N, C-alpha and C. Protein backbone atom coordinates (compact mmCIF):
# COMPACT_ATOMS: atom_id res chain seq x y z
N MET A 1 128.78 34.95 -35.12
CA MET A 1 129.50 35.31 -36.31
C MET A 1 130.17 36.67 -36.13
N PHE A 2 131.30 36.81 -36.74
CA PHE A 2 132.07 38.06 -36.70
C PHE A 2 131.44 39.07 -37.67
N ASP A 3 131.29 40.30 -37.21
CA ASP A 3 130.72 41.36 -38.06
C ASP A 3 131.69 42.54 -38.08
N ILE A 4 132.40 42.72 -39.17
CA ILE A 4 133.42 43.76 -39.28
C ILE A 4 132.84 45.16 -39.15
N SER A 5 131.54 45.35 -39.42
CA SER A 5 130.96 46.69 -39.37
C SER A 5 130.97 47.23 -37.93
N LYS A 6 131.09 46.35 -36.94
CA LYS A 6 131.11 46.79 -35.54
C LYS A 6 132.51 47.10 -35.02
N GLU A 7 133.51 46.86 -35.84
CA GLU A 7 134.90 47.13 -35.43
C GLU A 7 135.15 48.62 -35.29
N LYS A 8 135.95 48.98 -34.32
CA LYS A 8 136.20 50.38 -34.04
C LYS A 8 137.40 50.91 -34.86
N ILE A 9 137.26 52.16 -35.29
CA ILE A 9 138.32 52.86 -35.97
C ILE A 9 138.57 54.18 -35.26
N ASP A 10 139.83 54.63 -35.27
CA ASP A 10 140.18 55.90 -34.65
C ASP A 10 140.08 57.03 -35.64
N ILE A 11 139.48 58.13 -35.20
CA ILE A 11 139.34 59.34 -36.01
C ILE A 11 140.00 60.46 -35.20
N GLN A 12 140.82 61.26 -35.87
CA GLN A 12 141.47 62.37 -35.17
C GLN A 12 140.99 63.70 -35.71
N CYS A 13 140.60 64.58 -34.78
CA CYS A 13 140.18 65.90 -35.12
C CYS A 13 141.42 66.76 -35.44
N ASP A 14 141.22 67.87 -36.12
CA ASP A 14 142.33 68.80 -36.41
C ASP A 14 142.94 69.34 -35.13
N CYS A 15 142.17 69.38 -34.05
CA CYS A 15 142.69 69.88 -32.77
C CYS A 15 143.56 68.86 -32.06
N GLY A 16 143.57 67.62 -32.57
CA GLY A 16 144.42 66.57 -31.96
C GLY A 16 143.65 65.56 -31.14
N ARG A 17 142.39 65.86 -30.80
CA ARG A 17 141.61 64.91 -30.01
C ARG A 17 141.26 63.70 -30.85
N LYS A 18 141.26 62.55 -30.20
CA LYS A 18 140.93 61.31 -30.89
C LYS A 18 139.51 60.87 -30.56
N HIS A 19 138.84 60.32 -31.53
CA HIS A 19 137.48 59.83 -31.38
C HIS A 19 137.40 58.42 -31.92
N VAL A 20 136.44 57.67 -31.45
CA VAL A 20 136.25 56.31 -31.90
C VAL A 20 134.94 56.21 -32.66
N ALA A 21 135.00 55.56 -33.81
CA ALA A 21 133.82 55.32 -34.64
C ALA A 21 133.89 53.89 -35.09
N THR A 22 132.86 53.43 -35.75
CA THR A 22 132.83 52.10 -36.33
C THR A 22 132.75 52.20 -37.84
N PHE A 23 133.01 51.07 -38.51
CA PHE A 23 132.85 51.06 -39.97
C PHE A 23 131.41 51.35 -40.32
N GLN A 24 130.45 50.91 -39.49
CA GLN A 24 129.05 51.20 -39.74
C GLN A 24 128.78 52.70 -39.68
N ASP A 25 129.45 53.40 -38.76
CA ASP A 25 129.33 54.84 -38.69
C ASP A 25 129.80 55.49 -40.00
N ALA A 26 130.88 54.96 -40.57
CA ALA A 26 131.38 55.49 -41.83
C ALA A 26 130.40 55.23 -42.96
N ILE A 27 129.83 54.01 -42.99
CA ILE A 27 128.80 53.69 -44.00
C ILE A 27 127.61 54.63 -43.89
N ASN A 28 127.21 54.92 -42.65
CA ASN A 28 126.05 55.80 -42.41
C ASN A 28 126.41 57.27 -42.52
N GLN A 29 127.68 57.57 -42.78
CA GLN A 29 128.19 58.92 -42.93
C GLN A 29 127.85 59.80 -41.73
N LYS A 30 128.12 59.24 -40.56
CA LYS A 30 127.84 59.89 -39.29
C LYS A 30 128.69 61.16 -39.12
N ILE A 31 128.14 62.12 -38.40
CA ILE A 31 128.91 63.32 -38.03
C ILE A 31 129.36 63.15 -36.57
N ILE A 32 130.66 63.29 -36.36
CA ILE A 32 131.22 63.21 -35.01
C ILE A 32 131.46 64.63 -34.53
N ARG A 33 130.95 64.94 -33.36
CA ARG A 33 131.12 66.27 -32.81
C ARG A 33 132.24 66.26 -31.80
N CYS A 34 133.24 67.08 -32.03
CA CYS A 34 134.40 67.19 -31.13
C CYS A 34 134.09 68.22 -30.07
N SER A 35 134.72 68.06 -28.90
CA SER A 35 134.49 69.04 -27.84
C SER A 35 135.10 70.40 -28.16
N CYS A 36 135.94 70.47 -29.18
CA CYS A 36 136.51 71.77 -29.59
C CYS A 36 135.49 72.56 -30.42
N GLY A 37 134.39 71.90 -30.82
CA GLY A 37 133.36 72.57 -31.59
C GLY A 37 133.34 72.13 -33.05
N ALA A 38 134.33 71.40 -33.47
CA ALA A 38 134.39 70.94 -34.86
C ALA A 38 133.44 69.77 -35.10
N ASN A 39 132.93 69.69 -36.32
CA ASN A 39 132.14 68.54 -36.76
C ASN A 39 132.99 67.78 -37.75
N ILE A 40 133.12 66.46 -37.52
CA ILE A 40 133.84 65.59 -38.43
C ILE A 40 132.86 64.76 -39.18
N GLN A 41 132.74 64.97 -40.48
CA GLN A 41 131.79 64.27 -41.32
C GLN A 41 132.48 63.03 -41.92
N LEU A 42 132.05 61.86 -41.49
CA LEU A 42 132.55 60.62 -42.09
C LEU A 42 131.90 60.46 -43.45
N ASN A 43 132.67 59.99 -44.42
CA ASN A 43 132.19 59.95 -45.78
C ASN A 43 132.56 58.63 -46.44
N ASP A 44 131.59 58.00 -47.06
CA ASP A 44 131.83 56.79 -47.87
C ASP A 44 131.31 57.09 -49.25
N GLY A 45 131.84 58.14 -49.84
CA GLY A 45 131.34 58.66 -51.10
C GLY A 45 131.28 57.65 -52.25
N ASN A 46 132.30 56.81 -52.37
CA ASN A 46 132.30 55.85 -53.46
C ASN A 46 131.80 54.47 -53.05
N GLY A 47 131.37 54.34 -51.77
CA GLY A 47 130.82 53.07 -51.31
C GLY A 47 131.85 52.01 -51.02
N SER A 48 133.14 52.40 -50.94
CA SER A 48 134.18 51.39 -50.75
C SER A 48 134.12 50.74 -49.35
N VAL A 49 133.72 51.51 -48.36
CA VAL A 49 133.59 50.93 -46.99
C VAL A 49 132.46 49.92 -46.98
N ARG A 50 131.34 50.29 -47.53
CA ARG A 50 130.18 49.38 -47.59
C ARG A 50 130.55 48.08 -48.35
N MET A 51 131.18 48.23 -49.49
CA MET A 51 131.56 47.03 -50.27
C MET A 51 132.58 46.18 -49.53
N GLY A 52 133.55 46.84 -48.90
CA GLY A 52 134.55 46.09 -48.15
C GLY A 52 133.95 45.33 -46.98
N VAL A 53 133.07 45.97 -46.23
CA VAL A 53 132.40 45.31 -45.09
C VAL A 53 131.58 44.12 -45.59
N THR A 54 130.86 44.31 -46.68
CA THR A 54 130.03 43.23 -47.25
C THR A 54 130.92 42.07 -47.66
N ASP A 55 132.00 42.36 -48.37
CA ASP A 55 132.91 41.30 -48.85
C ASP A 55 133.58 40.54 -47.70
N ILE A 56 134.04 41.27 -46.69
CA ILE A 56 134.71 40.63 -45.54
C ILE A 56 133.73 39.78 -44.74
N ASN A 57 132.52 40.32 -44.49
CA ASN A 57 131.53 39.55 -43.76
C ASN A 57 131.15 38.28 -44.52
N LYS A 58 131.05 38.36 -45.85
CA LYS A 58 130.74 37.16 -46.66
C LYS A 58 131.87 36.15 -46.55
N ALA A 59 133.11 36.62 -46.59
CA ALA A 59 134.25 35.71 -46.48
C ALA A 59 134.23 34.97 -45.13
N PHE A 60 133.95 35.68 -44.05
CA PHE A 60 133.88 35.06 -42.75
C PHE A 60 132.74 34.05 -42.66
N ARG A 61 131.59 34.42 -43.26
CA ARG A 61 130.43 33.53 -43.27
C ARG A 61 130.77 32.23 -44.05
N ASP A 62 131.42 32.40 -45.21
CA ASP A 62 131.83 31.24 -46.01
C ASP A 62 132.83 30.35 -45.25
N LEU A 63 133.75 30.98 -44.55
CA LEU A 63 134.74 30.25 -43.76
C LEU A 63 134.04 29.46 -42.64
N GLU A 64 133.09 30.10 -41.99
CA GLU A 64 132.33 29.45 -40.92
C GLU A 64 131.57 28.25 -41.47
N ASN A 65 130.96 28.40 -42.63
CA ASN A 65 130.23 27.31 -43.26
C ASN A 65 131.16 26.16 -43.66
N ALA A 66 132.36 26.49 -44.10
CA ALA A 66 133.34 25.46 -44.47
C ALA A 66 133.77 24.67 -43.24
N PHE A 67 133.97 25.35 -42.11
CA PHE A 67 134.31 24.66 -40.88
C PHE A 67 133.18 23.74 -40.41
N LYS A 68 131.94 24.20 -40.59
CA LYS A 68 130.78 23.36 -40.21
C LYS A 68 130.74 22.11 -41.04
N LYS A 69 131.05 22.21 -42.32
CA LYS A 69 131.04 21.04 -43.21
C LYS A 69 132.14 20.05 -42.82
N LEU A 70 133.29 20.57 -42.42
CA LEU A 70 134.38 19.70 -42.02
C LEU A 70 134.09 18.98 -40.71
N GLY A 71 133.43 19.68 -39.79
CA GLY A 71 133.16 19.13 -38.47
C GLY A 71 131.91 18.27 -38.40
N GLY A 72 131.05 18.34 -39.36
CA GLY A 72 129.78 17.69 -39.17
C GLY A 72 129.44 16.82 -40.29
């Protein structure tokens, strides 16, 4: 099954360096440490990332179940 929380997103530091995080990292409000010394705090303050991931994963699960019903 597809899990959107594992998808990678690009984060850019003020210094211009790019970092890779996942939606799960955003949900967990992970701190990314840049080699320039900056800390980038990921924030899901209103829970929109968590809700979006949950909704999308449910949609994929429902789609998978619909395909199983058609095929079997």
